């Protein structure tokens, strides 16, 4: 693991999201330009695959991890969307997943419709950031109050 992140550091590539298993590490990278050289260095350590045109969707809310059924609700709403990576980590307030960049606007619309009563138009004013906290959130809305996405490249090692 150390060698993997040393390679990212060497190529000055920032990492946003990390998901690991016993045999693999998946990350999202901030830049596309350095990916071929980074992949060449990583290939000395393991098999490397990378894909572009992905988006990070991040749901943030108090006690998100402790709210039963929240992941089922979120991924049920997105049942026909290709989810490439899921990460929650140690955060109790954050659920992050990676999707195809072309699906980002529709995914945010669906999540917003399911969790908020406010207008989505304000939220979709620019790609890269969608956030709005309801003025008078219901109990369900308090546990999920922000949805955002950023375009990134997904790398698997």
N, C-alpha and C. Protein backbone atom coordinates (compact mmCIF):
# COMPACT_ATOMS: atom_id res chain seq x y z
N UNK A 1 0.83 -1.18 0.00
CA UNK A 1 0.00 0.00 0.00
C UNK A 1 0.88 1.25 0.00
N UNK A 2 1.92 1.23 0.79
CA UNK A 2 2.81 2.38 0.87
C UNK A 2 3.41 2.70 -0.50
N UNK A 3 3.85 1.67 -1.21
CA UNK A 3 4.45 1.87 -2.53
C UNK A 3 3.47 2.48 -3.53
N UNK A 4 2.22 2.09 -3.42
CA UNK A 4 1.20 2.63 -4.32
C UNK A 4 1.07 4.13 -4.12
N UNK A 5 0.94 4.55 -2.87
CA UNK A 5 0.74 5.97 -2.62
C UNK A 5 2.02 6.79 -2.80
N UNK A 6 3.17 6.15 -2.68
CA UNK A 6 4.42 6.84 -3.01
C UNK A 6 4.46 7.18 -4.50
N UNK A 7 3.93 6.27 -5.33
CA UNK A 7 3.88 6.54 -6.78
C UNK A 7 2.96 7.73 -7.07
N UNK A 8 1.82 7.79 -6.40
CA UNK A 8 0.92 8.94 -6.58
C UNK A 8 1.62 10.23 -6.16
N UNK A 9 2.34 10.17 -5.06
CA UNK A 9 3.07 11.34 -4.58
C UNK A 9 4.16 11.75 -5.57
N UNK A 10 4.90 10.79 -6.08
CA UNK A 10 5.97 11.07 -7.05
C UNK A 10 5.44 11.81 -8.27
N UNK A 11 4.26 11.44 -8.72
CA UNK A 11 3.67 12.06 -9.92
C UNK A 11 2.76 13.23 -9.58
N UNK A 12 2.72 13.59 -8.30
CA UNK A 12 1.91 14.72 -7.82
C UNK A 12 0.45 14.59 -8.23
N UNK A 13 -0.09 13.39 -8.05
CA UNK A 13 -1.48 13.11 -8.36
C UNK A 13 -2.24 12.96 -7.04
N UNK A 14 -3.19 13.85 -6.82
CA UNK A 14 -4.01 13.79 -5.62
C UNK A 14 -5.04 12.68 -5.71
N UNK A 15 -5.38 12.12 -4.57
CA UNK A 15 -6.37 11.05 -4.49
C UNK A 15 -7.55 11.56 -3.67
N UNK A 16 -8.76 11.37 -4.19
CA UNK A 16 -9.97 11.80 -3.49
C UNK A 16 -10.61 10.65 -2.71
N UNK A 17 -10.82 9.53 -3.37
CA UNK A 17 -11.56 8.41 -2.78
C UNK A 17 -10.72 7.16 -2.91
N UNK A 18 -10.71 6.34 -1.85
CA UNK A 18 -9.97 5.08 -1.84
C UNK A 18 -10.90 3.98 -1.39
N UNK A 19 -10.84 2.84 -2.06
CA UNK A 19 -11.58 1.66 -1.65
C UNK A 19 -10.62 0.48 -1.79
N UNK A 20 -10.51 -0.34 -0.76
CA UNK A 20 -9.56 -1.45 -0.80
C UNK A 20 -10.24 -2.77 -0.50
N UNK A 21 -9.59 -3.84 -0.94
CA UNK A 21 -9.97 -5.21 -0.58
C UNK A 21 -8.67 -5.96 -0.33
N UNK A 22 -8.76 -7.24 -0.12
CA UNK A 22 -7.56 -8.03 0.13
C UNK A 22 -6.60 -8.04 -1.05
N UNK A 23 -7.14 -7.90 -2.26
CA UNK A 23 -6.31 -8.05 -3.45
C UNK A 23 -6.27 -6.84 -4.38
N UNK A 24 -6.96 -5.77 -4.00
CA UNK A 24 -6.96 -4.61 -4.90
C UNK A 24 -7.14 -3.31 -4.15
N UNK A 25 -6.76 -2.24 -4.84
CA UNK A 25 -6.96 -0.88 -4.36
C UNK A 25 -7.56 -0.09 -5.52
N UNK A 26 -8.66 0.61 -5.26
CA UNK A 26 -9.25 1.49 -6.26
C UNK A 26 -9.20 2.90 -5.71
N UNK A 27 -8.85 3.85 -6.58
CA UNK A 27 -8.77 5.25 -6.16
C UNK A 27 -9.33 6.13 -7.27
N UNK A 28 -9.73 7.33 -6.89
CA UNK A 28 -10.03 8.34 -7.89
C UNK A 28 -8.90 9.36 -7.86
N UNK A 29 -8.50 9.80 -9.03
CA UNK A 29 -7.37 10.71 -9.17
C UNK A 29 -7.85 12.07 -9.66
N UNK A 30 -7.18 13.12 -9.22
CA UNK A 30 -7.57 14.48 -9.56
C UNK A 30 -7.24 14.89 -10.99
N UNK A 31 -6.29 14.25 -11.61
CA UNK A 31 -5.80 14.71 -12.91
C UNK A 31 -5.79 13.59 -13.92
N UNK A 32 -5.88 13.93 -15.19
CA UNK A 32 -5.76 12.95 -16.26
C UNK A 32 -4.37 12.95 -16.88
N UNK A 33 -3.70 14.09 -16.83
CA UNK A 33 -2.43 14.25 -17.54
C UNK A 33 -1.34 13.29 -17.07
N UNK A 34 -1.23 13.07 -15.79
CA UNK A 34 -0.15 12.25 -15.24
C UNK A 34 -0.48 10.76 -15.18
N UNK A 35 -1.70 10.39 -15.54
CA UNK A 35 -2.13 9.00 -15.37
C UNK A 35 -1.28 8.00 -16.16
N UNK A 36 -0.94 8.23 -17.43
CA UNK A 36 -0.13 7.22 -18.14
C UNK A 36 1.22 6.96 -17.47
N UNK A 37 1.91 7.99 -17.05
CA UNK A 37 3.21 7.80 -16.37
C UNK A 37 3.02 7.14 -15.02
N UNK A 38 2.00 7.55 -14.29
CA UNK A 38 1.69 6.93 -13.00
C UNK A 38 1.36 5.45 -13.18
N UNK A 39 0.54 5.14 -14.18
CA UNK A 39 0.17 3.75 -14.44
C UNK A 39 1.40 2.90 -14.80
N UNK A 40 2.34 3.48 -15.53
CA UNK A 40 3.57 2.76 -15.87
C UNK A 40 4.36 2.41 -14.61
N UNK A 41 4.45 3.36 -13.68
CA UNK A 41 5.15 3.08 -12.42
C UNK A 41 4.39 2.06 -11.58
N UNK A 42 3.08 2.19 -11.53
CA UNK A 42 2.28 1.24 -10.75
C UNK A 42 2.30 -0.16 -11.35
N UNK A 43 2.48 -0.25 -12.67
CA UNK A 43 2.53 -1.55 -13.34
C UNK A 43 3.74 -2.37 -12.89
N UNK A 44 4.74 -1.72 -12.32
CA UNK A 44 5.88 -2.44 -11.77
C UNK A 44 5.50 -3.16 -10.48
N UNK A 45 4.40 -2.74 -9.86
CA UNK A 45 3.95 -3.31 -8.59
C UNK A 45 2.78 -4.28 -8.75
N UNK A 46 1.93 -4.02 -9.74
CA UNK A 46 0.69 -4.81 -9.87
C UNK A 46 0.07 -4.56 -11.23
N UNK A 47 -1.00 -5.31 -11.53
CA UNK A 47 -1.78 -5.05 -12.74
C UNK A 47 -2.54 -3.74 -12.53
N UNK A 48 -2.57 -2.90 -13.55
CA UNK A 48 -3.20 -1.58 -13.43
C UNK A 48 -4.22 -1.40 -14.54
N UNK A 49 -5.39 -0.90 -14.17
CA UNK A 49 -6.42 -0.51 -15.13
C UNK A 49 -6.87 0.88 -14.75
N UNK A 50 -7.16 1.70 -15.73
CA UNK A 50 -7.73 3.01 -15.41
C UNK A 50 -8.79 3.39 -16.42
N UNK A 51 -9.75 4.17 -15.95
CA UNK A 51 -10.87 4.61 -16.76
C UNK A 51 -11.09 6.10 -16.52
N UNK A 52 -11.49 6.79 -17.54
CA UNK A 52 -11.80 8.21 -17.39
C UNK A 52 -13.29 8.45 -17.38
N UNK A 53 -13.65 9.72 -17.32
CA UNK A 53 -15.04 10.17 -17.39
C UNK A 53 -15.92 9.55 -16.32
N UNK A 54 -15.45 9.60 -15.08
CA UNK A 54 -16.22 9.15 -13.92
C UNK A 54 -16.57 10.35 -13.07
N UNK A 55 -17.56 10.21 -12.23
CA UNK A 55 -17.96 11.28 -11.32
C UNK A 55 -18.08 10.72 -9.92
N UNK A 56 -17.67 11.50 -8.94
CA UNK A 56 -17.82 11.15 -7.53
C UNK A 56 -19.11 11.78 -7.05
N UNK A 57 -19.96 10.97 -6.44
CA UNK A 57 -21.16 11.48 -5.80
C UNK A 57 -20.98 11.28 -4.31
N UNK A 58 -21.18 12.34 -3.57
CA UNK A 58 -20.94 12.30 -2.13
C UNK A 58 -22.21 12.73 -1.40
N UNK A 59 -22.70 11.88 -0.52
CA UNK A 59 -23.85 12.20 0.30
C UNK A 59 -23.35 12.46 1.71
N UNK A 60 -23.76 13.57 2.28
CA UNK A 60 -23.26 13.96 3.59
C UNK A 60 -24.44 14.27 4.50
N UNK A 61 -24.39 13.76 5.72
CA UNK A 61 -25.43 14.05 6.68
C UNK A 61 -25.07 13.53 8.06
N UNK A 62 -25.67 14.11 9.07
CA UNK A 62 -25.40 13.67 10.44
C UNK A 62 -25.86 12.22 10.62
N UNK A 63 -25.04 11.43 11.28
CA UNK A 63 -25.37 10.04 11.62
C UNK A 63 -25.77 9.21 10.41
N UNK A 64 -25.19 9.49 9.27
CA UNK A 64 -25.52 8.76 8.06
C UNK A 64 -25.29 7.26 8.24
N UNK A 65 -24.17 6.91 8.84
CA UNK A 65 -23.83 5.51 9.02
C UNK A 65 -24.81 4.81 9.97
N UNK A 66 -25.36 5.54 10.91
CA UNK A 66 -26.24 4.96 11.91
C UNK A 66 -27.72 4.99 11.51
N UNK A 67 -28.01 5.43 10.30
CA UNK A 67 -29.40 5.48 9.83
C UNK A 67 -29.71 4.19 9.07
N UNK A 68 -30.49 3.28 9.69
CA UNK A 68 -30.80 2.01 9.02
C UNK A 68 -31.50 2.22 7.68
N UNK A 69 -31.09 1.48 6.67
CA UNK A 69 -31.74 1.50 5.38
C UNK A 69 -31.35 2.62 4.45
N UNK A 70 -30.46 3.52 4.87
CA UNK A 70 -30.12 4.66 4.02
C UNK A 70 -29.40 4.21 2.74
N UNK A 71 -28.47 3.27 2.86
CA UNK A 71 -27.77 2.78 1.66
C UNK A 71 -28.74 2.06 0.74
N UNK A 72 -29.65 1.27 1.31
CA UNK A 72 -30.65 0.57 0.49
C UNK A 72 -31.53 1.57 -0.26
N UNK A 73 -31.91 2.64 0.42
CA UNK A 73 -32.74 3.66 -0.24
C UNK A 73 -31.96 4.33 -1.37
N UNK A 74 -30.73 4.74 -1.08
CA UNK A 74 -29.91 5.43 -2.08
C UNK A 74 -29.69 4.54 -3.30
N UNK A 75 -29.22 3.32 -3.07
CA UNK A 75 -28.90 2.46 -4.21
C UNK A 75 -30.14 1.89 -4.87
N UNK A 76 -31.26 1.83 -4.15
CA UNK A 76 -32.53 1.46 -4.76
C UNK A 76 -32.99 2.51 -5.76
N UNK A 77 -32.82 3.76 -5.40
CA UNK A 77 -33.15 4.88 -6.29
C UNK A 77 -32.30 4.81 -7.56
N UNK A 78 -31.09 4.27 -7.43
CA UNK A 78 -30.13 4.23 -8.54
C UNK A 78 -29.98 2.83 -9.12
N UNK A 79 -31.02 2.01 -9.04
CA UNK A 79 -30.90 0.60 -9.40
C UNK A 79 -30.41 0.35 -10.83
N UNK A 80 -30.64 1.25 -11.75
CA UNK A 80 -30.19 1.03 -13.12
C UNK A 80 -28.92 1.83 -13.47
N UNK A 81 -28.26 2.39 -12.45
CA UNK A 81 -27.04 3.16 -12.65
C UNK A 81 -25.84 2.29 -12.31
N UNK A 82 -24.84 2.34 -13.17
CA UNK A 82 -23.62 1.55 -12.96
C UNK A 82 -22.77 2.22 -11.87
N UNK A 83 -22.69 1.58 -10.71
CA UNK A 83 -21.88 2.09 -9.60
C UNK A 83 -20.50 1.43 -9.71
N UNK A 84 -19.45 2.25 -9.84
CA UNK A 84 -18.10 1.72 -10.07
C UNK A 84 -17.32 1.52 -8.78
N UNK A 85 -17.67 2.25 -7.73
CA UNK A 85 -16.91 2.17 -6.48
C UNK A 85 -17.77 2.77 -5.37
N UNK A 86 -17.67 2.20 -4.17
CA UNK A 86 -18.38 2.72 -3.00
C UNK A 86 -17.38 2.85 -1.87
N UNK A 87 -17.46 3.96 -1.15
CA UNK A 87 -16.55 4.18 -0.02
C UNK A 87 -17.27 4.93 1.08
N UNK A 88 -17.16 4.42 2.30
CA UNK A 88 -17.67 5.17 3.43
C UNK A 88 -16.56 5.41 4.44
N UNK A 89 -15.68 4.49 4.59
CA UNK A 89 -14.54 4.68 5.48
C UNK A 89 -14.97 4.92 6.91
N UNK A 90 -14.19 5.67 7.62
CA UNK A 90 -14.43 5.91 9.04
C UNK A 90 -15.43 7.03 9.28
N UNK A 91 -15.80 7.74 8.25
CA UNK A 91 -16.70 8.88 8.40
C UNK A 91 -18.10 8.42 8.77
N UNK A 92 -18.69 9.07 9.74
CA UNK A 92 -20.07 8.79 10.10
C UNK A 92 -21.04 9.67 9.33
N UNK A 93 -20.51 10.62 8.58
CA UNK A 93 -21.39 11.57 7.91
C UNK A 93 -21.29 11.54 6.39
N UNK A 94 -20.61 10.57 5.83
CA UNK A 94 -20.31 10.63 4.41
C UNK A 94 -20.48 9.25 3.76
N UNK A 95 -21.17 9.20 2.62
CA UNK A 95 -21.25 8.02 1.77
C UNK A 95 -20.88 8.48 0.37
N UNK A 96 -19.85 7.89 -0.20
CA UNK A 96 -19.32 8.32 -1.48
C UNK A 96 -19.36 7.16 -2.46
N UNK A 97 -19.74 7.45 -3.70
CA UNK A 97 -19.67 6.42 -4.74
C UNK A 97 -19.30 7.06 -6.07
N UNK A 98 -18.81 6.23 -6.98
CA UNK A 98 -18.32 6.68 -8.28
C UNK A 98 -19.22 6.09 -9.36
N UNK A 99 -19.61 6.96 -10.30
CA UNK A 99 -20.49 6.57 -11.40
C UNK A 99 -19.92 7.11 -12.72
N UNK A 100 -20.57 6.79 -13.81
CA UNK A 100 -20.21 7.35 -15.10
C UNK A 100 -20.52 8.85 -15.07
N UNK A 101 -19.63 9.66 -15.60
CA UNK A 101 -19.81 11.10 -15.59
C UNK A 101 -21.12 11.53 -16.26
N UNK A 102 -21.50 10.85 -17.33
CA UNK A 102 -22.73 11.19 -18.05
C UNK A 102 -23.99 10.98 -17.21
N UNK A 103 -23.91 10.15 -16.17
CA UNK A 103 -25.07 9.88 -15.32
C UNK A 103 -25.20 10.85 -14.15
N UNK A 104 -24.21 11.70 -13.93
CA UNK A 104 -24.15 12.52 -12.72
C UNK A 104 -25.37 13.41 -12.52
N UNK A 105 -25.77 14.16 -13.53
CA UNK A 105 -26.89 15.08 -13.37
C UNK A 105 -28.17 14.33 -13.03
N UNK A 106 -28.45 13.24 -13.71
CA UNK A 106 -29.66 12.46 -13.44
C UNK A 106 -29.61 11.82 -12.05
N UNK A 107 -28.46 11.32 -11.65
CA UNK A 107 -28.32 10.74 -10.31
C UNK A 107 -28.60 11.79 -9.24
N UNK A 108 -28.04 12.97 -9.40
CA UNK A 108 -28.27 14.04 -8.42
C UNK A 108 -29.75 14.42 -8.41
N UNK A 109 -30.38 14.50 -9.57
CA UNK A 109 -31.81 14.82 -9.61
C UNK A 109 -32.63 13.79 -8.83
N UNK A 110 -32.33 12.52 -9.06
CA UNK A 110 -33.07 11.45 -8.36
C UNK A 110 -32.87 11.52 -6.85
N UNK A 111 -31.63 11.67 -6.43
CA UNK A 111 -31.35 11.73 -4.99
C UNK A 111 -31.99 12.96 -4.37
N UNK A 112 -31.90 14.06 -5.07
CA UNK A 112 -32.48 15.30 -4.56
C UNK A 112 -34.00 15.16 -4.42
N UNK A 113 -34.63 14.57 -5.42
CA UNK A 113 -36.09 14.37 -5.38
C UNK A 113 -36.48 13.48 -4.21
N UNK A 114 -35.68 12.47 -3.93
CA UNK A 114 -36.00 11.53 -2.86
C UNK A 114 -35.79 12.11 -1.47
N UNK A 115 -34.85 13.05 -1.31
CA UNK A 115 -34.49 13.51 0.02
C UNK A 115 -34.82 14.97 0.31
N UNK A 116 -35.11 15.77 -0.70
CA UNK A 116 -35.34 17.20 -0.48
C UNK A 116 -36.64 17.66 -1.11
N UNK A 117 -37.21 18.70 -0.55
CA UNK A 117 -38.40 19.31 -1.11
C UNK A 117 -38.06 20.60 -1.86
N UNK A 118 -36.79 21.01 -1.82
CA UNK A 118 -36.39 22.27 -2.44
C UNK A 118 -36.14 22.09 -3.93
N UNK A 119 -36.00 23.20 -4.63
CA UNK A 119 -35.82 23.20 -6.07
C UNK A 119 -34.44 22.67 -6.47
N UNK A 120 -34.42 21.75 -7.41
CA UNK A 120 -33.16 21.19 -7.91
C UNK A 120 -32.48 22.18 -8.87
N UNK A 121 -33.22 23.09 -9.45
CA UNK A 121 -32.65 24.01 -10.43
C UNK A 121 -31.46 24.78 -9.87
N UNK A 122 -31.58 25.27 -8.65
CA UNK A 122 -30.48 25.99 -8.03
C UNK A 122 -29.27 25.09 -7.84
N UNK A 123 -29.53 23.82 -7.55
CA UNK A 123 -28.45 22.89 -7.26
C UNK A 123 -27.65 22.50 -8.49
N UNK A 124 -28.27 22.51 -9.63
CA UNK A 124 -27.59 22.05 -10.84
C UNK A 124 -27.05 23.22 -11.66
N UNK A 125 -26.76 24.34 -11.01
CA UNK A 125 -26.33 25.52 -11.75
C UNK A 125 -24.95 25.38 -12.36
N UNK A 126 -24.15 24.43 -11.87
CA UNK A 126 -22.85 24.19 -12.51
C UNK A 126 -22.37 22.79 -12.20
N UNK A 127 -21.71 22.18 -13.15
CA UNK A 127 -21.16 20.85 -12.94
C UNK A 127 -20.02 20.94 -11.95
N UNK A 128 -19.92 19.98 -11.07
CA UNK A 128 -18.83 19.95 -10.12
C UNK A 128 -19.27 20.22 -8.71
N UNK A 129 -20.42 20.83 -8.51
CA UNK A 129 -20.84 21.09 -7.15
C UNK A 129 -22.34 21.26 -7.11
N UNK A 130 -23.01 20.45 -6.33
CA UNK A 130 -24.43 20.60 -6.13
C UNK A 130 -24.69 20.45 -4.65
N UNK A 131 -25.18 21.47 -4.05
CA UNK A 131 -25.45 21.39 -2.63
C UNK A 131 -26.55 22.35 -2.23
N UNK A 132 -27.41 21.90 -1.39
CA UNK A 132 -28.44 22.77 -0.84
C UNK A 132 -28.99 22.09 0.39
N UNK A 133 -29.10 22.82 1.46
CA UNK A 133 -29.67 22.30 2.69
C UNK A 133 -31.11 22.78 2.77
N UNK A 134 -32.07 21.88 2.99
CA UNK A 134 -33.46 22.32 3.10
C UNK A 134 -33.63 23.31 4.25
N UNK A 135 -34.50 24.30 4.07
CA UNK A 135 -34.73 25.30 5.12
C UNK A 135 -35.33 24.67 6.37
N UNK A 136 -36.27 23.75 6.18
CA UNK A 136 -36.92 23.08 7.31
C UNK A 136 -36.84 21.58 7.06
N UNK A 137 -35.68 20.98 7.30
CA UNK A 137 -35.52 19.56 6.96
C UNK A 137 -36.38 18.65 7.83
N UNK A 138 -36.89 17.61 7.18
CA UNK A 138 -37.60 16.58 7.93
C UNK A 138 -36.54 15.72 8.61
N UNK A 139 -36.96 14.79 9.44
CA UNK A 139 -36.02 13.90 10.12
C UNK A 139 -35.16 13.14 9.11
N UNK A 140 -35.77 12.62 8.04
CA UNK A 140 -35.00 11.89 7.02
C UNK A 140 -34.01 12.81 6.33
N UNK A 141 -34.40 14.06 6.09
CA UNK A 141 -33.52 14.98 5.40
C UNK A 141 -32.34 15.40 6.26
N UNK A 142 -32.49 15.41 7.56
CA UNK A 142 -31.37 15.77 8.43
C UNK A 142 -30.24 14.76 8.30
N UNK A 143 -30.58 13.52 7.99
CA UNK A 143 -29.53 12.51 7.89
C UNK A 143 -28.86 12.53 6.52
N UNK A 144 -29.38 13.28 5.59
CA UNK A 144 -28.78 13.37 4.26
C UNK A 144 -29.06 14.76 3.72
N UNK A 145 -28.11 15.65 3.80
CA UNK A 145 -28.41 17.02 3.40
C UNK A 145 -27.56 17.59 2.29
N UNK A 146 -26.63 16.81 1.76
CA UNK A 146 -25.85 17.36 0.65
C UNK A 146 -25.53 16.27 -0.35
N UNK A 147 -25.66 16.60 -1.59
CA UNK A 147 -25.28 15.71 -2.68
C UNK A 147 -24.37 16.51 -3.59
N UNK A 148 -23.20 15.99 -3.89
CA UNK A 148 -22.31 16.71 -4.78
C UNK A 148 -21.58 15.73 -5.68
N UNK A 149 -21.07 16.23 -6.79
CA UNK A 149 -20.25 15.38 -7.64
C UNK A 149 -19.13 16.18 -8.25
N UNK A 150 -18.05 15.46 -8.55
CA UNK A 150 -16.91 16.04 -9.23
C UNK A 150 -16.40 15.02 -10.24
N UNK A 151 -15.97 15.48 -11.37
CA UNK A 151 -15.44 14.57 -12.39
C UNK A 151 -14.05 14.10 -11.97
N UNK A 152 -13.81 12.84 -12.12
CA UNK A 152 -12.52 12.26 -11.75
C UNK A 152 -12.23 11.05 -12.62
N UNK A 153 -11.02 10.55 -12.50
CA UNK A 153 -10.60 9.34 -13.19
C UNK A 153 -10.48 8.25 -12.14
N UNK A 154 -10.96 7.05 -12.45
CA UNK A 154 -10.92 5.91 -11.56
C UNK A 154 -9.74 5.03 -11.93
N UNK A 155 -8.92 4.68 -10.96
CA UNK A 155 -7.77 3.81 -11.19
C UNK A 155 -7.90 2.58 -10.31
N UNK A 156 -7.58 1.43 -10.84
CA UNK A 156 -7.57 0.20 -10.04
C UNK A 156 -6.20 -0.41 -10.06
N UNK A 157 -5.72 -0.82 -8.91
CA UNK A 157 -4.40 -1.43 -8.80
C UNK A 157 -4.56 -2.78 -8.14
